[in-house]
Amino acid sequence: MQEVTSKNDATRRTRPSSTATRRRPRKRIKRKGQIDYSLLVIVVFMLAFGLIMVYSASSYNATLLTGDSLYYLKKQALSCLIGIVAIIVICRVGYKFLKKFAWIIYFIALAACAYVIFFGTSLNNSSRWIFIGPISFQPSELGKVALIILLAYVIAKNPARMRNAKDLIVTAFVIVGPMFVLVAVNNLSTAIIILLIGGIMLFIASPKTWPFVGVGLLGIGGIVIFIATAGYRAQRINAWLDPEHNDAYQTMQALYAIGSGGLFGKGLGASVQKQGFVPEAQNDMVFSIICEELGLFGAICVIAMFVVLIWRLVLIAMRAKDMFGSFLVIGIATHISLQVILNVAVVTNTIPNTGVTLPFISYGGTSLAILLAEIGIALAVSKGVDVDEEEE
C-alpha cells in the first residue's frame, strides 16, 4: 500500500498540470508575407468597372468621330495591359531597386516636363503631350510618381534631417519646387497635386508645423500669380462662381447628368448627357455619367471602393518593413486620394473646373499605366511584410 502511494506521488510530480500547459508560452515564428490580395482584388474590380464605364461614356462620340464604338475602349484596354505588365514586373523585382534609380527617374521626368513646354503637342489649347509615333505620353503623370520615389528615398536615407526646419525647406524647394514650376506652366491642376503630394509626405516625415505654413502661403501666392497671368484660368474661377451665366457648358451639363440620375439611375448605357452634351464624357467627367446611369447608389459604391482601396494602402504603409517602403505607399495613397477628391469636387462644381482624372475609371492611357505601376510598387511593399504567427 505504501509502495502504491509513493508511485502515485511520483506520477503526480512528473505529470504537468493542465494550468501549467495553458500557461506555457507559445513559440512565435515569422513568415514572409504574400502580396495584399485584398488590394489586388479591389484594383482588378475597379479596372473592369472602369473599362465598362469608358465604353458606356465614349461609344456615342467614338462612333461619330471614328466610326468605331470601341475606339476609346481599345486604347484604354491597351494601357490597362501595359499597367498589368508593370505590376507583374515590379512585384517580381521588388521595390528596393527604385532606391538606385530615384534621382535618375526624377531627372528624366523633369527633363520630359521641360521638353513638353517647348516641343510638346498642343491639344485643347494646352501643350501637355509628347507623341512618339501613334503613342501619346503625358510627362506630368511621370512627374508624380518620380516625386514620390525621390521623396521616399530622401526621407528614408536621413530621417533626422526632416526634424530640422532648414533642411526641410531646402528639400521642399530643391525637389518639389522644380517639378511644380515646370508642370504648372501648362497644367496647374496637376502641379497642385504634385505640390500637395510633396507637402503631405514631408509633413508626415517632420514633427514641425510652421515651415509648412510658410511654404503653403508661398504656394497660394504662386497659384494666384499663375491664375492672374493666364486669362482662361480666371475665366474658370468666374465659371465656378456662376456657371449658369459664364458659359460653363461642361459643368452645367455634368450637373444635369447628376441630377437626372436620381437614386438608382437610368440604367447602365442609358445616359442622355453622354450623347454630345457632356464634352469628352469619358475623361474628367465620367463620374457624372456614373451618377446618371447608376444613380446616387452607384456613386456611393464607387466612392466606397476608393475608401477601401486607400484603407488597404494605409495598412500596407503602417506595416512596411522599412521607411522607404512605407513612404512610397504613403505617397501613392496621397496621390490617389487627392485625385479622387478633386475629380468628384470638380464634377459636382465644389471647386473650379480642372483637368483631373478619376483613378482607374477615367479614360487616359498615361494616367492609368502610371497608377497601375504605383499599385505594383504598393503590392511589392506588402509582399515584403513579415507576418507574425503563433505555433502551438
Protein backbone atom coordinates (compact mmCIF):
# COMPACT_ATOMS: atom_id res chain seq x y z
CA MET A 1 0.00 0.00 0.00
CA GLN A 2 2.77 2.37 0.87
CA GLU A 3 4.53 1.49 -2.38
CA VAL A 4 1.43 2.30 -4.45
CA THR A 5 1.08 5.66 -2.72
CA SER A 6 4.67 6.58 -3.45
CA LYS A 7 4.20 5.70 -7.15
CA ASN A 8 1.13 7.93 -7.36
CA ASP A 9 3.07 10.81 -5.75
CA ALA A 10 5.87 10.37 -8.26
CA THR A 11 3.42 10.37 -11.15
CA ARG A 12 1.76 13.44 -9.75
CA ARG A 13 5.11 15.21 -9.54
CA THR A 14 6.22 14.39 -13.09
CA ARG A 15 2.89 14.93 -14.92
CA PRO A 16 2.39 18.60 -15.85
CA SER A 17 -0.84 20.13 -14.65
CA SER A 18 -3.44 21.49 -17.09
CA THR A 19 -2.80 25.01 -15.71
CA ALA A 20 0.88 24.73 -16.49
CA THR A 21 0.06 23.57 -20.00
CA ARG A 22 -2.21 26.56 -20.60
CA ARG A 23 0.39 28.98 -19.33
CA ARG A 24 3.24 27.62 -21.43
CA PRO A 25 4.30 30.43 -23.81
CA ARG A 26 3.66 29.80 -27.46
CA LYS A 27 6.54 29.99 -29.85
CA ARG A 28 6.24 32.93 -32.26
CA ILE A 29 7.50 32.44 -35.77
CA LYS A 30 7.72 34.81 -38.71
CA ARG A 31 6.98 34.03 -42.28
CA LYS A 32 7.38 36.22 -45.32
CA GLY A 33 4.04 37.76 -46.26
CA GLN A 34 2.36 37.50 -49.65
CA ILE A 35 1.06 40.39 -51.68
CA ASP A 36 -2.04 42.11 -50.37
CA TYR A 37 -4.70 40.20 -52.33
CA SER A 38 -7.46 42.43 -50.96
CA LEU A 39 -5.83 45.43 -52.64
CA LEU A 40 -5.29 43.46 -55.85
CA VAL A 41 -8.94 42.33 -55.99
CA ILE A 42 -10.20 45.89 -55.47
CA VAL A 43 -7.95 47.23 -58.23
CA VAL A 44 -8.98 44.46 -60.67
CA PHE A 45 -12.66 45.14 -59.96
CA MET A 46 -12.18 48.88 -60.47
CA LEU A 47 -10.32 48.28 -63.74
CA ALA A 48 -13.18 46.13 -65.03
CA PHE A 49 -15.73 48.72 -63.93
CA GLY A 50 -13.63 51.48 -65.48
CA LEU A 51 -13.50 49.73 -68.84
CA ILE A 52 -17.28 49.30 -68.78
CA MET A 53 -17.81 52.97 -67.98
CA VAL A 54 -15.29 54.15 -70.59
CA TYR A 55 -17.18 52.19 -73.24
CA SER A 56 -20.54 53.40 -71.99
CA ALA A 57 -19.46 57.05 -71.85
CA SER A 58 -17.48 57.10 -75.11
CA SER A 59 -19.29 54.79 -77.54
CA TYR A 60 -21.54 57.52 -78.99
CA ASN A 61 -18.75 60.05 -79.62
CA ALA A 62 -16.38 57.33 -80.80
CA THR A 63 -18.89 56.22 -83.42
CA LEU A 64 -19.35 59.79 -84.67
CA LEU A 65 -15.64 60.62 -84.77
CA THR A 66 -14.05 57.35 -85.85
CA GLY A 67 -16.87 55.04 -86.90
CA ASP A 68 -15.74 52.55 -84.26
CA SER A 69 -17.70 52.50 -80.99
CA LEU A 70 -14.86 50.52 -79.36
CA TYR A 71 -12.14 53.05 -80.25
CA TYR A 72 -11.61 54.51 -76.76
CA LEU A 73 -12.19 51.16 -75.08
CA LYS A 74 -9.42 49.54 -77.14
CA LYS A 75 -6.92 52.26 -76.25
CA GLN A 76 -7.86 52.09 -72.57
CA ALA A 77 -7.56 48.29 -72.60
CA LEU A 78 -4.06 48.57 -74.10
CA SER A 79 -2.98 50.97 -71.33
CA CYS A 80 -4.53 48.60 -68.81
CA LEU A 81 -2.47 45.74 -70.24
CA ILE A 82 0.73 47.81 -70.03
CA GLY A 83 -0.07 48.65 -66.41
CA ILE A 84 -0.73 45.00 -65.52
CA VAL A 85 2.65 44.03 -67.01
CA ALA A 86 4.23 46.77 -64.88
CA ILE A 87 2.56 45.32 -61.76
CA ILE A 88 3.90 41.83 -62.50
CA VAL A 89 7.44 43.07 -63.20
CA ILE A 90 7.62 45.29 -60.11
CA CYS A 91 6.23 42.56 -57.85
CA ARG A 92 8.85 40.12 -59.13
CA VAL A 93 11.78 42.54 -58.97
CA GLY A 94 10.75 44.23 -55.70
CA TYR A 95 10.60 47.89 -54.78
CA LYS A 96 14.08 48.38 -53.30
CA PHE A 97 15.71 48.67 -56.72
CA LEU A 98 13.97 52.06 -57.00
CA LYS A 99 16.47 53.43 -54.46
CA LYS A 100 19.28 53.12 -57.01
CA PHE A 101 17.36 54.98 -59.70
CA ALA A 102 15.41 57.54 -57.62
CA TRP A 103 17.40 60.57 -58.82
CA ILE A 104 17.62 59.26 -62.40
CA ILE A 105 13.84 58.77 -62.63
CA TYR A 106 13.31 62.24 -61.17
CA PHE A 107 15.63 63.97 -63.65
CA ILE A 108 14.14 62.06 -66.59
CA ALA A 109 10.66 63.22 -65.53
CA LEU A 110 11.98 66.76 -65.00
CA ALA A 111 13.56 66.82 -68.46
CA ALA A 112 10.36 65.45 -70.05
CA CYS A 113 8.26 68.14 -68.33
CA ALA A 114 10.68 70.82 -69.58
CA TYR A 115 10.68 69.35 -73.10
CA VAL A 116 6.89 69.38 -73.38
CA ILE A 117 6.79 73.13 -72.66
CA PHE A 118 8.72 73.93 -75.84
CA PHE A 119 8.19 70.95 -78.12
CA GLY A 120 5.05 69.24 -76.82
CA THR A 121 1.92 68.68 -78.89
CA SER A 122 -0.96 71.04 -78.13
CA LEU A 123 -4.44 69.65 -77.52
CA ASN A 124 -7.34 71.79 -76.25
CA ASN A 125 -5.04 74.86 -76.09
CA SER A 126 -2.58 73.12 -73.75
CA SER A 127 0.83 71.67 -74.59
CA ARG A 128 0.91 68.63 -72.32
CA TRP A 129 1.66 65.64 -74.55
CA ILE A 130 4.66 64.09 -76.27
CA PHE A 131 3.82 61.97 -79.30
CA ILE A 132 6.12 59.10 -80.25
CA GLY A 133 4.56 57.74 -83.41
CA PRO A 134 0.98 56.70 -82.58
CA ILE A 135 1.71 56.70 -78.84
CA SER A 136 0.98 59.79 -76.74
CA PHE A 137 2.61 60.37 -73.38
CA GLN A 138 1.92 62.94 -70.66
CA PRO A 139 5.16 63.71 -68.73
CA SER A 140 3.35 65.31 -65.78
CA GLU A 141 1.97 61.88 -64.82
CA LEU A 142 5.52 60.50 -64.67
CA GLY A 143 6.43 63.55 -62.59
CA LYS A 144 4.03 62.48 -59.84
CA VAL A 145 5.50 59.01 -59.33
CA ALA A 146 9.07 60.31 -59.78
CA LEU A 147 8.48 62.81 -56.98
CA ILE A 148 7.04 60.09 -54.70
CA ILE A 149 10.04 57.79 -55.27
CA LEU A 150 12.66 60.51 -54.70
CA LEU A 151 11.00 61.96 -51.60
CA ALA A 152 10.62 58.48 -50.09
CA TYR A 153 14.32 57.84 -50.78
CA VAL A 154 15.48 61.18 -49.31
CA ILE A 155 13.30 60.86 -46.20
CA ALA A 156 14.33 57.25 -45.54
CA LYS A 157 18.03 57.92 -46.13
CA ASN A 158 18.27 60.55 -43.41
CA PRO A 159 15.03 60.90 -41.43
CA ALA A 160 16.76 63.05 -38.79
CA ARG A 161 17.13 65.85 -41.35
CA MET A 162 13.36 66.18 -41.51
CA ARG A 163 13.40 67.43 -37.91
CA ASN A 164 15.48 70.43 -38.96
CA ALA A 165 13.36 73.23 -40.39
CA LYS A 166 16.13 74.47 -42.69
CA ASP A 167 16.74 71.03 -44.21
CA LEU A 168 13.01 70.53 -44.57
CA ILE A 169 12.55 73.77 -46.50
CA VAL A 170 15.61 73.06 -48.67
CA THR A 171 14.22 69.60 -49.51
CA ALA A 172 10.88 71.11 -50.47
CA PHE A 173 12.40 73.76 -52.73
CA VAL A 174 15.05 71.53 -54.33
CA ILE A 175 12.82 68.51 -55.04
CA VAL A 176 9.19 69.63 -55.04
CA GLY A 177 9.77 73.17 -56.35
CA PRO A 178 11.25 72.46 -59.81
CA MET A 179 8.67 69.80 -60.64
CA PHE A 180 5.83 72.08 -59.52
CA VAL A 181 7.04 75.04 -61.59
CA LEU A 182 7.65 73.09 -64.80
CA VAL A 183 4.28 71.32 -64.66
CA ALA A 184 2.37 74.46 -63.63
CA VAL A 185 3.32 76.24 -66.87
CA ASN A 186 0.81 74.15 -68.84
CA ASN A 187 -1.11 72.15 -66.23
CA LEU A 188 -1.87 73.96 -62.99
CA SER A 189 -4.23 71.29 -61.63
CA THR A 190 -1.58 68.55 -61.90
CA ALA A 191 1.02 70.93 -60.46
CA ILE A 192 -1.20 71.50 -57.41
CA ILE A 193 -1.49 67.72 -56.94
CA ILE A 194 2.33 67.44 -57.13
CA LEU A 195 2.69 70.22 -54.56
CA LEU A 196 0.20 68.58 -52.21
CA ILE A 197 1.80 65.13 -52.57
CA GLY A 198 5.19 66.56 -51.66
CA GLY A 199 3.78 68.66 -48.83
CA ILE A 200 1.87 65.78 -47.23
CA MET A 201 4.82 63.38 -47.45
CA LEU A 202 7.15 65.93 -45.83
CA PHE A 203 4.53 66.83 -43.22
CA ILE A 204 4.25 63.17 -42.16
CA ALA A 205 8.05 62.89 -42.01
CA SER A 206 8.54 66.03 -39.93
CA PRO A 207 7.38 66.92 -36.41
CA LYS A 208 7.47 70.65 -37.23
CA THR A 209 4.46 72.61 -38.44
CA TRP A 210 5.45 76.21 -39.06
CA PRO A 211 7.60 75.55 -42.19
CA PHE A 212 4.53 74.09 -43.89
CA VAL A 213 2.51 77.19 -43.07
CA GLY A 214 5.16 79.38 -44.71
CA VAL A 215 5.53 77.17 -47.77
CA GLY A 216 1.75 76.87 -48.02
CA LEU A 217 1.37 80.66 -48.09
CA LEU A 218 4.05 80.91 -50.78
CA GLY A 219 2.27 78.18 -52.74
CA ILE A 220 -1.05 80.02 -52.54
CA GLY A 221 0.69 83.18 -53.70
CA GLY A 222 2.22 81.33 -56.63
CA ILE A 223 -1.13 79.85 -57.62
CA VAL A 224 -2.72 83.31 -57.56
CA ILE A 225 0.04 84.59 -59.85
CA PHE A 226 -0.45 81.70 -62.27
CA ILE A 227 -4.20 82.36 -62.36
CA ALA A 228 -3.69 86.08 -62.90
CA THR A 229 -1.22 85.57 -65.76
CA ALA A 230 -3.49 83.26 -67.74
CA GLY A 231 -6.88 84.57 -68.78
CA TYR A 232 -8.51 81.18 -69.23
CA ARG A 233 -7.76 80.31 -65.58
CA ALA A 234 -9.53 83.45 -64.37
CA GLN A 235 -12.49 82.52 -66.59
CA ARG A 236 -12.66 79.15 -64.85
CA ILE A 237 -12.93 80.89 -61.48
CA ASN A 238 -15.81 83.03 -62.76
CA ALA A 239 -17.49 79.99 -64.28
CA TRP A 240 -17.23 78.17 -60.97
CA LEU A 241 -18.80 81.03 -59.03
CA ASP A 242 -21.66 81.45 -61.51
CA PRO A 243 -21.71 78.58 -64.03
CA GLU A 244 -25.12 79.44 -65.46
CA HIS A 245 -24.13 82.92 -66.63
CA ASN A 246 -20.45 82.37 -67.50
CA ASP A 247 -20.62 79.84 -70.32
CA ALA A 248 -19.67 76.89 -68.07
CA TYR A 249 -21.27 74.48 -70.53
CA GLN A 250 -19.42 71.33 -69.43
CA THR A 251 -20.10 71.95 -65.74
CA MET A 252 -23.79 72.63 -66.29
CA GLN A 253 -24.27 69.51 -68.41
CA ALA A 254 -22.46 67.42 -65.78
CA LEU A 255 -24.78 68.79 -63.10
CA TYR A 256 -27.79 67.96 -65.29
CA ALA A 257 -26.48 64.40 -65.59
CA ILE A 258 -26.05 64.06 -61.82
CA GLY A 259 -29.49 65.49 -61.10
CA SER A 260 -31.29 63.33 -63.63
CA GLY A 261 -29.79 60.08 -62.27
CA GLY A 262 -31.91 60.02 -59.14
CA LEU A 263 -31.40 57.29 -56.55
CA PHE A 264 -30.69 54.29 -58.78
CA GLY A 265 -30.03 55.91 -62.16
CA LYS A 266 -31.40 55.41 -65.65
CA GLY A 267 -29.58 52.14 -66.17
CA LEU A 268 -26.14 51.20 -67.49
CA GLY A 269 -25.69 52.60 -71.00
CA ALA A 270 -28.86 54.72 -70.85
CA SER A 271 -27.21 58.11 -70.30
CA VAL A 272 -28.56 61.00 -72.37
CA GLN A 273 -25.87 63.55 -71.47
CA LYS A 274 -23.07 61.45 -72.98
CA GLN A 275 -24.67 61.84 -76.40
CA GLY A 276 -22.81 65.02 -77.23
CA PHE A 277 -23.97 67.13 -74.28
CA VAL A 278 -21.07 66.49 -71.87
CA PRO A 279 -17.86 67.09 -73.88
CA GLU A 280 -15.32 64.26 -73.58
CA ALA A 281 -17.60 62.44 -71.15
CA GLN A 282 -15.19 59.50 -70.84
CA ASN A 283 -12.42 61.72 -69.42
CA ASP A 284 -12.69 64.03 -66.43
CA MET A 285 -16.50 63.97 -66.33
CA VAL A 286 -17.01 60.21 -66.25
CA PHE A 287 -18.27 60.45 -62.65
CA SER A 288 -21.26 62.47 -63.88
CA ILE A 289 -22.16 59.64 -66.28
CA ILE A 290 -21.83 57.15 -63.41
CA CYS A 291 -24.29 59.26 -61.42
CA GLU A 292 -26.71 59.47 -64.35
CA GLU A 293 -26.64 55.78 -65.23
CA LEU A 294 -26.23 54.23 -61.76
CA GLY A 295 -27.68 56.99 -59.60
CA LEU A 296 -26.70 58.07 -56.12
CA PHE A 297 -26.39 54.42 -55.07
CA GLY A 298 -23.80 53.73 -57.78
CA ALA A 299 -21.87 56.89 -56.95
CA ILE A 300 -21.70 55.93 -53.26
CA CYS A 301 -20.49 52.43 -54.19
CA VAL A 302 -17.70 53.89 -56.32
CA ILE A 303 -16.59 56.21 -53.52
CA ALA A 304 -16.77 53.30 -51.04
CA MET A 305 -14.43 51.28 -53.28
CA PHE A 306 -11.91 54.10 -53.21
CA VAL A 307 -12.20 54.34 -49.42
CA VAL A 308 -11.41 50.62 -49.08
CA LEU A 309 -8.53 50.99 -51.55
CA ILE A 310 -6.98 53.84 -49.54
CA TRP A 311 -7.53 51.90 -46.30
CA ARG A 312 -5.56 48.93 -47.68
CA LEU A 313 -2.76 51.25 -48.78
CA VAL A 314 -2.60 52.84 -45.32
CA LEU A 315 -2.35 49.40 -43.70
CA ILE A 316 0.49 48.46 -46.04
CA ALA A 317 2.32 51.71 -45.22
CA MET A 318 1.93 51.10 -41.47
CA ARG A 319 3.22 47.51 -41.72
CA ALA A 320 6.03 48.15 -44.20
CA LYS A 321 9.36 46.59 -43.36
CA ASP A 322 11.38 49.78 -43.89
CA MET A 323 10.84 53.52 -44.02
CA PHE A 324 11.46 53.70 -47.78
CA GLY A 325 8.64 51.28 -48.50
CA SER A 326 6.36 52.99 -46.02
CA PHE A 327 6.78 56.43 -47.57
CA LEU A 328 6.42 55.04 -51.08
CA VAL A 329 2.95 53.76 -50.17
CA ILE A 330 2.13 56.97 -48.27
CA GLY A 331 2.88 58.94 -51.43
CA ILE A 332 0.80 56.57 -53.57
CA ALA A 333 -2.16 56.73 -51.17
CA THR A 334 -1.90 60.53 -51.13
CA HIS A 335 -1.80 60.69 -54.93
CA ILE A 336 -4.89 58.53 -55.41
CA SER A 337 -6.82 60.24 -52.58
CA LEU A 338 -6.16 63.72 -53.98
CA GLN A 339 -7.26 62.78 -57.48
CA VAL A 340 -10.47 61.17 -56.27
CA ILE A 341 -11.35 64.14 -54.06
CA LEU A 342 -10.52 66.73 -56.75
CA ASN A 343 -12.32 64.88 -59.55
CA VAL A 344 -15.54 64.43 -57.58
CA ALA A 345 -15.31 68.04 -56.38
CA VAL A 346 -14.94 69.32 -59.96
CA VAL A 347 -17.83 67.25 -61.31
CA THR A 348 -20.11 68.49 -58.52
CA ASN A 349 -18.84 72.09 -59.01
CA THR A 350 -17.46 72.21 -55.48
CA ILE A 351 -14.19 73.63 -56.87
CA PRO A 352 -13.30 75.28 -60.22
CA ASN A 353 -13.10 73.03 -63.25
CA THR A 354 -9.69 71.38 -63.63
CA GLY A 355 -8.41 68.51 -65.71
CA VAL A 356 -8.14 65.76 -63.06
CA THR A 357 -8.99 62.18 -63.96
CA LEU A 358 -10.81 59.70 -61.73
CA PRO A 359 -8.22 56.99 -60.96
CA PHE A 360 -8.68 53.62 -62.73
CA ILE A 361 -12.00 54.74 -64.26
CA SER A 362 -11.49 57.83 -66.43
CA TYR A 363 -10.09 57.44 -69.93
CA GLY A 364 -6.41 58.29 -70.04
CA GLY A 365 -3.60 55.98 -71.07
CA THR A 366 -0.62 57.58 -69.30
CA SER A 367 -2.54 58.15 -66.09
CA LEU A 368 -3.85 54.59 -65.95
CA ALA A 369 -0.48 52.97 -66.72
CA ILE A 370 1.31 55.09 -64.07
CA LEU A 371 -1.38 54.41 -61.47
CA LEU A 372 -1.11 50.66 -62.05
CA ALA A 373 2.68 50.88 -61.77
CA GLU A 374 2.16 52.60 -58.39
CA ILE A 375 -0.15 49.79 -57.32
CA GLY A 376 2.62 47.39 -58.33
CA ILE A 377 5.00 49.24 -56.00
CA ALA A 378 2.46 49.04 -53.15
CA LEU A 379 1.95 45.31 -53.74
CA ALA A 380 5.71 44.79 -53.76
CA VAL A 381 5.94 46.57 -50.40
CA SER A 382 3.13 44.42 -49.00
CA LYS A 383 4.95 41.32 -50.20
CA GLY A 384 7.93 42.15 -48.00
CA VAL A 385 5.90 42.48 -44.80
CA ASP A 386 6.69 39.92 -42.11
CA VAL A 387 3.59 38.27 -40.65
CA ASP A 388 3.70 37.09 -37.04
CA GLU A 389 2.16 33.70 -36.33
CA GLU A 390 1.86 31.56 -33.19
CA GLU A 391 2.94 27.97 -33.18
CA GLU A 392 1.33 25.52 -30.75
